[in-house]
Amino acid sequence: MFSRITRPARGLPRVLLGLGLAVAAVRVAEGPGEEDGQKKRKIREVYRTAIDRSRELLRRVKDEVGSPGIVVAVSVDGQAVWSEGLGFADVENRIPCSPDSVMRVASISKSFTMTAVAKLWEEGRLDLEAPVQKYVPEFPEKEFEGEKVTITTKLLVSHLSGIRHYEKDIQKIRKKIGKKSSEPHAEDTESTKAREQSKLKQMNTAKSQKNISLEPEEFYIKDKFNSVIDALELFKNDPLVFKPGSQFLYSTHAWTLLSAVVERASGRRFLVYMQQMFKDLGMISTVPEEHEPIIYNRARFYTFSDKKRLINCPYVNNSCKWAGGGFLSTVNDLLRFGNALLYSYQANEKSTMLPGYLKPDTVSMMWRPVPNTEMSWDRDGKYAMGWGTVEGKQDFGQCKCQKHYVSHTGGAVGASSVLLILPEEDNHTMIPPRGVVVTIIANMQGTGLNSTALKIALEFEKVKSAQS
């Protein structure tokens, strides 16, 4: 029989009644998941010192750069042990940052795209050594100093293609990277000037706004491109900065070409293919940044005016660079992504465990430093394939011990980001993922976060080692 529901006494204060219902709700909520909740609390207590120190470090960084908001998440051996938001995701409406805040992850998008490239390569649908024209005939064959040259997918993913970045002045770029300027190329003609004038009309930049930094005009493109093929028009007819493979030049435009390669190799539109990959990885809050859709928990993005006042960033459209810097995400999704790759890196294919999203050898290839490259956010490392890699080494006893880690940083209009993976080495007999993953996102541009993420990772690794 059902027990009779007794009405509360007429004189019982409503506050007490509400409190009783709240307590009951908590008890119900703690029912089936109470054991998991207690486990999480114990884990957090173990890392309490690391959390407190890392929070204080993050507060200092936030104050130093003047970021309205900043969000962090850390996992140890695949278990999230800390996630927190400091400051505001929306200053005007006083909406605080939280682990669910959706922000621009900027060039971490390159690591997403590299995973898609690696998957297609594993499946035999993409040849890393083939000329890009095999997949994208719309991209013209190139010459450098009168010699025909080949650009491959492998060169694209390591920034060795010679394709320019946002700066359009080729001679200026060559001077900057230390290459002697050669005689004008056949492509450096009046037709190039005409194309440049056409592009200037096509692109509305924020140069006219007083609050803009010294970033090149193409950093602030407002025009919407209907496809990744259309976006190639920005740069496909420009001369190369150097002979492919001979030098390193970080280039987001090269990744736009890469997105066209992914599109043709997969047989699906680039964003459709990427969104399926995010779904497979469990990244439910990772989406391309589009102006029209309602995206819950989307943060606002900020910069400083020439009078050093906090202001909203200008509107930009990232359809010109989905692959290299156009996605939104949360720290929770970035943790999932980092741990999926760490699991793949450490998984033993001969065991009874579930396979990783990628094969271990594939991730090893992806994270292997490439000669003749640079890792601008840590000079101890090199760029690999869609990631920066620092190799572990120690030259002298009781001196600097360089830990092996991989990371990628991001800088977008009004946003900065980092995703760092510190693997535990020589533990392939244990259940992966083994290691520390740290991710930080801020809604302020020009904020270097890699060194902060590394310090946080080492704090948690220290506590983990003490528990072993």
Protein backbone atom coordinates (compact mmCIF):
# COMPACT_ATOMS: atom_id res chain seq x y z
CA MET A 1 0.00 0.00 0.00
CA PHE A 2 1.03 3.58 -0.61
CA SER A 3 1.69 5.59 2.54
CA ARG A 4 -0.52 8.59 3.06
CA ILE A 5 1.09 11.99 2.39
CA THR A 6 0.68 14.15 5.44
CA ARG A 7 0.11 17.84 4.91
CA PRO A 8 2.46 20.12 6.85
CA ALA A 9 1.06 21.76 9.92
CA ARG A 10 -0.72 25.00 9.08
CA GLY A 11 1.52 26.98 11.35
CA LEU A 12 4.81 25.54 10.08
CA PRO A 13 6.95 28.37 8.73
CA ARG A 14 7.45 28.24 4.97
CA VAL A 15 11.22 28.71 5.42
CA LEU A 16 11.47 25.52 7.44
CA LEU A 17 9.33 23.70 4.94
CA GLY A 18 11.56 24.90 2.10
CA LEU A 19 14.65 23.89 4.05
CA GLY A 20 13.24 20.45 4.62
CA LEU A 21 12.48 20.01 0.94
CA ALA A 22 16.00 21.21 0.05
CA VAL A 23 17.57 18.70 2.46
CA ALA A 24 15.39 15.95 1.02
CA ALA A 25 16.42 16.95 -2.49
CA VAL A 26 20.10 16.77 -1.55
CA ARG A 27 19.61 13.32 -0.04
CA VAL A 28 17.83 12.10 -3.15
CA ALA A 29 20.60 13.56 -5.32
CA GLU A 30 23.23 11.86 -3.20
CA GLY A 31 21.48 8.51 -3.40
CA PRO A 32 22.79 6.56 -6.39
CA GLY A 33 25.77 8.86 -6.97
CA GLU A 34 26.76 9.33 -3.34
CA GLU A 35 29.66 6.91 -3.61
CA ASP A 36 31.01 8.69 -6.69
CA GLY A 37 30.60 12.04 -4.95
CA GLN A 38 32.57 10.86 -1.93
CA LYS A 39 35.29 9.50 -4.20
CA LYS A 40 35.59 12.83 -6.00
CA ARG A 41 35.76 14.71 -2.72
CA LYS A 42 38.56 12.42 -1.50
CA ILE A 43 40.49 12.93 -4.72
CA ARG A 44 40.13 16.70 -4.48
CA GLU A 45 41.28 16.58 -0.87
CA VAL A 46 44.43 14.72 -1.93
CA TYR A 47 45.23 17.52 -4.38
CA ARG A 48 44.09 20.35 -2.10
CA THR A 49 47.60 21.84 -1.81
CA ALA A 50 48.15 21.77 -5.56
CA ILE A 51 44.71 23.31 -6.15
CA ASP A 52 45.31 26.13 -3.66
CA ARG A 53 48.72 26.97 -5.07
CA SER A 54 47.49 26.81 -8.64
CA ARG A 55 44.47 28.99 -7.88
CA GLU A 56 46.71 31.64 -6.36
CA LEU A 57 49.00 31.51 -9.40
CA LEU A 58 46.02 31.86 -11.71
CA ARG A 59 44.69 34.83 -9.75
CA ARG A 60 48.03 36.57 -10.08
CA VAL A 61 48.15 35.95 -13.81
CA LYS A 62 44.58 37.19 -14.21
CA ASP A 63 45.39 40.38 -12.30
CA GLU A 64 48.65 40.90 -14.17
CA VAL A 65 47.09 40.79 -17.65
CA GLY A 66 43.75 42.31 -16.64
CA SER A 67 41.63 39.51 -18.02
CA PRO A 68 37.95 39.82 -17.02
CA GLY A 69 37.67 36.07 -16.70
CA ILE A 70 39.76 32.92 -16.76
CA VAL A 71 38.80 29.24 -16.50
CA VAL A 72 40.99 26.25 -15.65
CA ALA A 73 40.61 22.48 -15.50
CA VAL A 74 43.05 19.76 -14.48
CA SER A 75 42.90 15.99 -14.71
CA VAL A 76 45.23 13.39 -13.24
CA ASP A 77 45.27 9.92 -14.80
CA GLY A 78 42.06 10.71 -16.65
CA GLN A 79 40.17 11.86 -13.56
CA ALA A 80 39.14 15.54 -13.39
CA VAL A 81 40.44 16.80 -10.04
CA TRP A 82 39.90 20.55 -10.38
CA SER A 83 37.90 22.93 -12.55
CA GLU A 84 37.10 26.51 -11.68
CA GLY A 85 36.27 29.88 -13.18
CA LEU A 86 37.61 33.18 -11.88
CA GLY A 87 36.14 36.54 -12.77
CA PHE A 88 33.45 37.20 -15.34
CA ALA A 89 32.42 35.59 -18.62
CA ASP A 90 30.23 38.65 -19.21
CA VAL A 91 31.27 41.82 -17.40
CA GLU A 92 28.22 43.90 -18.31
CA ASN A 93 25.72 41.36 -17.03
CA ARG A 94 27.93 40.16 -14.17
CA ILE A 95 27.87 36.55 -15.28
CA PRO A 96 30.71 34.69 -13.56
CA CYS A 97 33.05 32.30 -15.33
CA SER A 98 32.49 28.61 -14.77
CA PRO A 99 33.81 25.35 -16.23
CA ASP A 100 30.81 25.47 -18.57
CA SER A 101 31.77 28.87 -20.02
CA VAL A 102 32.12 28.56 -23.79
CA MET A 103 35.07 30.53 -25.15
CA ARG A 104 37.24 30.85 -28.22
CA VAL A 105 40.03 28.29 -28.09
CA ALA A 106 41.82 29.87 -31.05
CA SER A 107 44.76 27.80 -32.32
CA ILE A 108 43.94 24.77 -30.20
CA SER A 109 41.67 24.27 -33.21
CA LYS A 110 44.82 23.16 -35.03
CA SER A 111 45.19 20.24 -32.62
CA PHE A 112 41.54 19.30 -33.29
CA THR A 113 42.13 19.38 -37.04
CA MET A 114 45.36 17.41 -36.74
CA THR A 115 43.41 14.62 -35.02
CA ALA A 116 41.05 14.53 -37.99
CA VAL A 117 44.03 14.41 -40.38
CA ALA A 118 45.61 11.58 -38.37
CA LYS A 119 42.36 9.59 -38.39
CA LEU A 120 42.01 9.90 -42.16
CA TRP A 121 45.67 8.90 -42.56
CA GLU A 122 45.15 5.81 -40.38
CA GLU A 123 42.17 4.83 -42.50
CA GLY A 124 44.22 5.14 -45.68
CA ARG A 125 42.13 7.99 -47.04
CA LEU A 126 44.76 10.71 -46.83
CA ASP A 127 48.34 10.57 -48.09
CA LEU A 128 50.52 12.91 -46.04
CA GLU A 129 53.24 12.93 -48.72
CA ALA A 130 51.01 13.65 -51.72
CA PRO A 131 50.83 17.15 -53.22
CA VAL A 132 47.83 19.04 -51.88
CA GLN A 133 46.53 19.42 -55.44
CA LYS A 134 45.64 15.72 -55.34
CA TYR A 135 42.78 16.72 -53.03
CA VAL A 136 42.40 20.43 -53.76
CA PRO A 137 43.04 21.15 -57.44
CA GLU A 138 41.67 24.66 -56.85
CA PHE A 139 44.92 25.51 -55.07
CA PRO A 140 47.43 26.48 -57.80
CA GLU A 141 50.78 24.76 -58.18
CA LYS A 142 53.58 26.93 -56.86
CA GLU A 143 56.99 28.12 -57.91
CA PHE A 144 59.78 29.61 -55.84
CA GLU A 145 62.59 31.52 -57.55
CA GLY A 146 61.57 30.03 -60.88
CA GLU A 147 61.56 26.43 -59.59
CA LYS A 148 58.42 24.33 -59.31
CA VAL A 149 57.86 23.25 -55.72
CA THR A 150 55.54 20.81 -53.96
CA ILE A 151 53.41 21.47 -50.91
CA THR A 152 52.25 18.36 -49.08
CA THR A 153 49.88 17.83 -46.16
CA LYS A 154 52.89 16.88 -44.04
CA LEU A 155 54.44 20.30 -44.65
CA LEU A 156 51.15 22.06 -43.89
CA VAL A 157 50.71 20.49 -40.44
CA SER A 158 54.23 21.51 -39.36
CA HIS A 159 54.15 25.09 -40.73
CA LEU A 160 56.84 24.37 -43.32
CA SER A 161 54.77 25.07 -46.44
CA GLY A 162 55.89 28.64 -47.09
CA ILE A 163 52.28 29.87 -47.13
CA ARG A 164 52.00 33.22 -45.41
CA HIS A 165 50.23 33.97 -42.13
CA TYR A 166 48.00 37.06 -41.65
CA GLU A 167 50.68 39.51 -42.80
CA LYS A 168 50.32 40.12 -46.55
CA ASP A 169 53.62 41.92 -47.25
CA ILE A 170 55.82 39.03 -48.40
CA GLN A 171 59.03 41.04 -48.35
CA LYS A 172 58.30 42.19 -44.82
CA ILE A 173 57.80 38.58 -43.72
CA ARG A 174 61.03 37.46 -45.36
CA LYS A 175 62.93 40.21 -43.64
CA LYS A 176 61.36 39.32 -40.33
CA ILE A 177 62.31 35.65 -40.49
CA GLY A 178 65.85 36.51 -41.53
CA LYS A 179 65.72 35.46 -45.17
CA LYS A 180 67.39 37.73 -47.69
CA SER A 181 64.88 39.24 -50.05
CA SER A 182 65.22 37.91 -53.56
CA GLU A 183 64.40 39.66 -56.80
CA PRO A 184 60.69 40.21 -57.44
CA HIS A 185 58.97 37.04 -58.55
CA ALA A 186 56.81 36.72 -61.61
CA GLU A 187 53.84 36.66 -59.28
CA ASP A 188 54.83 40.02 -57.74
CA THR A 189 53.26 42.02 -60.55
CA GLU A 190 50.45 44.43 -61.20
CA SER A 191 48.01 41.51 -61.07
CA THR A 192 49.05 40.90 -57.47
CA LYS A 193 48.39 44.55 -56.66
CA ALA A 194 44.97 44.28 -58.22
CA ARG A 195 44.21 41.21 -56.15
CA GLU A 196 45.31 43.00 -53.02
CA GLN A 197 43.02 45.93 -53.78
CA SER A 198 40.16 43.50 -54.37
CA LYS A 199 40.82 41.82 -51.03
CA LEU A 200 40.87 45.14 -49.24
CA LYS A 201 37.39 45.86 -50.57
CA GLN A 202 36.26 42.34 -49.69
CA MET A 203 37.42 42.45 -46.08
CA ASN A 204 36.11 44.79 -43.45
CA THR A 205 38.81 45.07 -40.87
CA ALA A 206 38.90 46.65 -37.47
CA LYS A 207 41.85 48.81 -38.33
CA SER A 208 39.63 51.88 -38.17
CA GLN A 209 38.69 51.14 -34.59
CA LYS A 210 40.85 52.88 -32.04
CA ASN A 211 40.97 49.93 -29.69
CA ILE A 212 42.81 47.59 -32.02
CA SER A 213 46.31 46.32 -31.37
CA LEU A 214 49.02 46.09 -33.99
CA GLU A 215 47.78 42.76 -35.34
CA PRO A 216 47.60 42.51 -39.17
CA GLU A 217 44.31 43.42 -40.84
CA GLU A 218 43.41 39.80 -41.63
CA PHE A 219 43.27 39.03 -37.91
CA TYR A 220 39.99 40.96 -37.86
CA ILE A 221 38.16 39.68 -40.94
CA LYS A 222 34.40 40.23 -40.76
CA ASP A 223 33.27 38.65 -44.02
CA LYS A 224 31.55 35.29 -44.03
CA PHE A 225 32.88 32.57 -46.35
CA ASN A 226 30.42 29.94 -47.49
CA SER A 227 33.00 27.14 -47.72
CA VAL A 228 36.62 26.35 -46.97
CA ILE A 229 37.26 26.40 -50.72
CA ASP A 230 35.98 29.97 -50.90
CA ALA A 231 38.30 30.94 -48.03
CA LEU A 232 41.32 29.93 -50.12
CA GLU A 233 40.79 33.11 -52.15
CA LEU A 234 42.44 35.07 -49.35
CA PHE A 235 45.90 33.69 -50.09
CA LYS A 236 45.98 31.00 -52.78
CA ASN A 237 47.44 33.26 -55.47
CA ASP A 238 50.06 34.90 -53.24
CA PRO A 239 53.74 34.02 -53.64
CA LEU A 240 55.36 31.69 -51.13
CA VAL A 241 57.54 33.20 -48.43
CA PHE A 242 60.20 30.49 -48.89
CA LYS A 243 60.79 27.16 -50.55
CA PRO A 244 58.55 24.53 -48.87
CA GLY A 245 60.44 22.57 -46.23
CA SER A 246 63.34 25.01 -45.98
CA GLN A 247 62.05 27.23 -43.17
CA PHE A 248 59.40 27.55 -40.49
CA LEU A 249 56.59 30.11 -40.59
CA TYR A 250 53.55 29.71 -38.35
CA SER A 251 50.60 30.01 -40.71
CA THR A 252 46.90 29.75 -39.94
CA HIS A 253 46.13 30.17 -43.65
CA ALA A 254 48.02 26.92 -44.29
CA TRP A 255 45.48 25.21 -42.03
CA THR A 256 42.63 26.61 -44.08
CA LEU A 257 44.14 24.76 -47.03
CA LEU A 258 44.43 21.74 -44.75
CA SER A 259 40.69 21.92 -44.00
CA ALA A 260 40.04 21.69 -47.74
CA VAL A 261 42.27 18.59 -47.84
CA VAL A 262 40.28 17.03 -44.97
CA GLU A 263 37.03 17.87 -46.74
CA ARG A 264 38.04 16.17 -49.97
CA ALA A 265 39.75 13.18 -48.33
CA SER A 266 36.75 12.49 -46.08
CA GLY A 267 34.10 13.19 -48.70
CA ARG A 268 32.20 15.38 -46.22
CA ARG A 269 32.08 19.10 -45.59
CA PHE A 270 34.81 20.06 -43.16
CA LEU A 271 32.52 21.24 -40.35
CA VAL A 272 30.28 18.19 -40.71
CA TYR A 273 33.29 15.90 -40.42
CA MET A 274 34.67 17.78 -37.41
CA GLN A 275 31.34 17.84 -35.58
CA GLN A 276 31.06 14.07 -35.98
CA MET A 277 34.56 13.72 -34.55
CA PHE A 278 33.63 15.91 -31.57
CA LYS A 279 30.57 13.74 -31.01
CA ASP A 280 32.68 10.57 -31.10
CA LEU A 281 35.08 12.08 -28.56
CA GLY A 282 32.25 13.17 -26.24
CA MET A 283 32.97 16.88 -26.74
CA ILE A 284 29.38 18.05 -26.56
CA SER A 285 30.13 21.76 -26.09
CA THR A 286 32.67 22.17 -28.89
CA VAL A 287 31.27 23.94 -31.94
CA PRO A 288 32.36 26.22 -34.77
CA GLU A 289 31.99 29.84 -33.78
CA GLU A 290 29.06 31.26 -35.70
CA HIS A 291 27.27 34.50 -34.96
CA GLU A 292 23.69 33.37 -35.60
CA PRO A 293 23.18 30.23 -33.45
CA ILE A 294 22.20 30.44 -29.80
CA ILE A 295 25.15 28.93 -27.94
CA TYR A 296 24.46 28.46 -24.25
CA ASN A 297 27.08 29.82 -21.85
CA ARG A 298 28.94 31.67 -24.63
CA ALA A 299 31.27 34.23 -23.06
CA ARG A 300 31.95 37.72 -24.30
CA PHE A 301 35.41 38.78 -25.40
CA TYR A 302 37.44 41.79 -24.36
CA THR A 303 40.47 43.93 -25.06
CA PHE A 304 41.81 47.30 -23.91
CA SER A 305 41.31 50.63 -25.63
CA ASP A 306 44.14 53.03 -26.34
CA LYS A 307 43.14 54.68 -23.05
CA LYS A 308 43.64 51.36 -21.24
CA ARG A 309 39.93 50.91 -20.61
CA LEU A 310 38.30 47.49 -20.85
CA ILE A 311 36.10 47.31 -23.95
CA ASN A 312 34.28 44.71 -26.01
CA CYS A 313 36.22 43.29 -28.90
CA PRO A 314 35.10 44.05 -32.44
CA TYR A 315 32.97 41.54 -34.30
CA VAL A 316 34.94 39.01 -36.35
CA ASN A 317 33.91 36.08 -38.50
CA ASN A 318 36.03 32.95 -38.23
CA SER A 319 34.70 31.18 -41.33
CA CYS A 320 38.01 31.97 -43.03
CA LYS A 321 39.92 29.82 -40.54
CA TRP A 322 37.83 27.05 -38.96
CA ALA A 323 40.70 24.57 -38.97
CA GLY A 324 43.33 26.91 -37.58
CA GLY A 325 41.40 29.00 -35.07
CA GLY A 326 37.63 28.93 -35.44
CA PHE A 327 36.19 26.69 -32.73
CA LEU A 328 34.54 27.37 -29.38
CA SER A 329 34.87 24.97 -26.45
CA THR A 330 34.93 24.57 -22.68
CA VAL A 331 37.69 23.44 -20.35
CA ASN A 332 35.73 20.25 -19.68
CA ASP A 333 35.69 19.36 -23.37
CA LEU A 334 39.36 20.20 -23.73
CA LEU A 335 40.14 17.81 -20.85
CA ARG A 336 38.22 15.06 -22.65
CA PHE A 337 40.14 15.74 -25.83
CA GLY A 338 43.50 15.77 -24.06
CA ASN A 339 42.77 12.53 -22.22
CA ALA A 340 41.50 10.83 -25.39
CA LEU A 341 44.87 11.52 -27.01
CA LEU A 342 46.82 10.57 -23.87
CA TYR A 343 44.90 7.28 -23.73
CA SER A 344 45.61 6.67 -27.41
CA TYR A 345 49.30 7.42 -26.87
CA GLN A 346 49.63 4.93 -24.02
CA ALA A 347 47.15 2.22 -25.01
CA ASN A 348 48.56 -1.27 -25.49
CA GLU A 349 47.05 -2.63 -28.70
CA LYS A 350 47.66 -6.23 -27.57
CA SER A 351 45.70 -5.88 -24.34
CA THR A 352 41.99 -6.38 -23.75
CA MET A 353 41.43 -2.66 -23.18
CA LEU A 354 39.30 -0.65 -25.54
CA PRO A 355 41.38 0.87 -28.35
CA GLY A 356 42.20 4.55 -28.38
CA TYR A 357 40.64 6.93 -30.87
CA LEU A 358 44.01 6.87 -32.64
CA LYS A 359 46.71 4.21 -32.60
CA PRO A 360 49.70 4.71 -30.28
CA ASP A 361 52.14 4.93 -33.20
CA THR A 362 49.97 7.58 -34.83
CA VAL A 363 50.02 9.79 -31.74
CA SER A 364 53.77 9.22 -31.37
CA MET A 365 54.23 10.40 -34.96
CA MET A 366 51.99 13.38 -34.35
CA TRP A 367 53.92 14.42 -31.22
CA ARG A 368 57.42 13.81 -32.63
CA PRO A 369 59.40 17.08 -32.99
CA VAL A 370 59.99 18.06 -36.61
CA PRO A 371 63.45 19.38 -37.55
CA ASN A 372 63.73 22.98 -38.68
CA THR A 373 60.67 24.10 -36.67
CA GLU A 374 60.04 26.32 -33.65
CA MET A 375 57.76 26.22 -30.62
CA SER A 376 57.25 29.92 -29.97
CA TRP A 377 55.56 29.47 -26.58
CA ASP A 378 58.45 27.38 -25.20
CA ARG A 379 61.88 27.74 -26.77
CA ASP A 380 62.94 24.38 -25.30
CA GLY A 381 60.63 22.63 -27.77
CA LYS A 382 59.91 22.16 -31.44
CA TYR A 383 56.71 22.13 -33.43
CA ALA A 384 55.52 18.66 -34.35
CA MET A 385 52.27 18.01 -36.25
CA GLY A 386 49.54 20.27 -34.92
CA TRP A 387 51.23 20.31 -31.50
CA GLY A 388 54.32 21.77 -29.84
CA THR A 389 56.57 19.19 -28.20
CA VAL A 390 59.21 19.50 -25.48
CA GLU A 391 61.37 16.41 -25.06
CA GLY A 392 62.44 15.19 -21.66
CA LYS A 393 66.09 15.54 -20.74
CA GLN A 394 68.48 16.40 -17.92
CA ASP A 395 72.02 17.48 -18.72
CA PHE A 396 73.43 17.79 -15.21
CA GLY A 397 72.73 16.18 -11.86
CA GLN A 398 70.68 18.25 -9.38
CA CYS A 399 70.01 20.81 -12.14
CA LYS A 400 67.21 21.53 -14.56
CA CYS A 401 65.09 18.49 -15.35
CA GLN A 402 63.13 19.08 -18.52
CA LYS A 403 59.88 17.15 -18.58
CA HIS A 404 58.40 15.73 -21.75
CA TYR A 405 55.13 17.40 -22.58
CA VAL A 406 53.04 18.51 -25.53
CA SER A 407 50.85 21.58 -25.78
CA HIS A 408 49.21 24.09 -28.03
CA THR A 409 48.39 27.67 -27.22
CA GLY A 410 45.88 29.97 -28.85
CA GLY A 411 45.44 33.68 -29.37
CA ALA A 412 42.27 35.08 -30.93
CA VAL A 413 40.37 38.35 -30.90
CA GLY A 414 39.50 38.71 -27.22
CA ALA A 415 40.68 35.26 -26.15
CA SER A 416 43.73 33.23 -25.12
CA SER A 417 44.03 29.51 -24.46
CA VAL A 418 46.31 26.56 -23.79
CA LEU A 419 45.97 22.78 -23.66
CA LEU A 420 48.92 20.95 -22.12
CA ILE A 421 49.49 17.20 -21.72
CA LEU A 422 52.21 15.94 -19.36
CA PRO A 423 52.37 12.16 -19.92
CA GLU A 424 53.61 9.74 -17.30
CA GLU A 425 56.39 7.90 -19.06
CA ASP A 426 57.38 4.23 -18.83
CA ASN A 427 54.04 3.13 -17.40
CA HIS A 428 52.49 1.39 -20.38
CA THR A 429 51.67 -1.65 -18.23
CA MET A 430 49.20 0.43 -16.22
CA ILE A 431 45.74 1.43 -17.35
CA PRO A 432 45.86 4.65 -19.39
CA PRO A 433 45.57 7.57 -19.45
CA ARG A 434 48.49 8.19 -17.09
CA GLY A 435 49.58 11.78 -16.67
CA VAL A 436 48.37 15.31 -16.08
CA VAL A 437 46.27 17.38 -18.47
CA VAL A 438 45.82 21.12 -17.91
CA THR A 439 43.75 23.57 -19.90
CA ILE A 440 43.16 27.29 -19.40
CA ILE A 441 40.96 29.71 -21.38
CA ALA A 442 40.69 33.48 -20.88
CA ASN A 443 38.42 36.04 -22.52
CA MET A 444 41.27 38.51 -23.09
CA GLN A 445 43.67 38.44 -26.01
CA GLY A 446 47.44 38.57 -25.75
CA THR A 447 47.65 36.43 -22.61
CA GLY A 448 50.50 33.90 -22.68
CA LEU A 449 49.29 30.86 -20.71
CA ASN A 450 51.68 28.01 -21.50
CA SER A 451 54.17 28.61 -18.67
CA THR A 452 51.27 28.94 -16.22
CA ALA A 453 49.78 25.65 -17.43
CA LEU A 454 53.16 23.91 -17.10
CA LYS A 455 53.63 25.18 -13.54
CA ILE A 456 50.17 23.94 -12.63
CA ALA A 457 50.81 20.54 -14.25
CA LEU A 458 54.05 20.14 -12.29
CA GLU A 459 52.26 21.01 -9.03
CA PHE A 460 49.78 18.20 -9.58
CA GLU A 461 52.44 15.78 -10.78
CA LYS A 462 54.42 16.44 -7.60
CA VAL A 463 51.44 15.51 -5.42
CA LYS A 464 50.72 12.47 -7.58
CA SER A 465 54.33 11.25 -7.28
CA ALA A 466 54.19 11.64 -3.50
CA GLN A 467 51.12 9.36 -3.42
CA SER A 468 52.89 6.59 -5.37
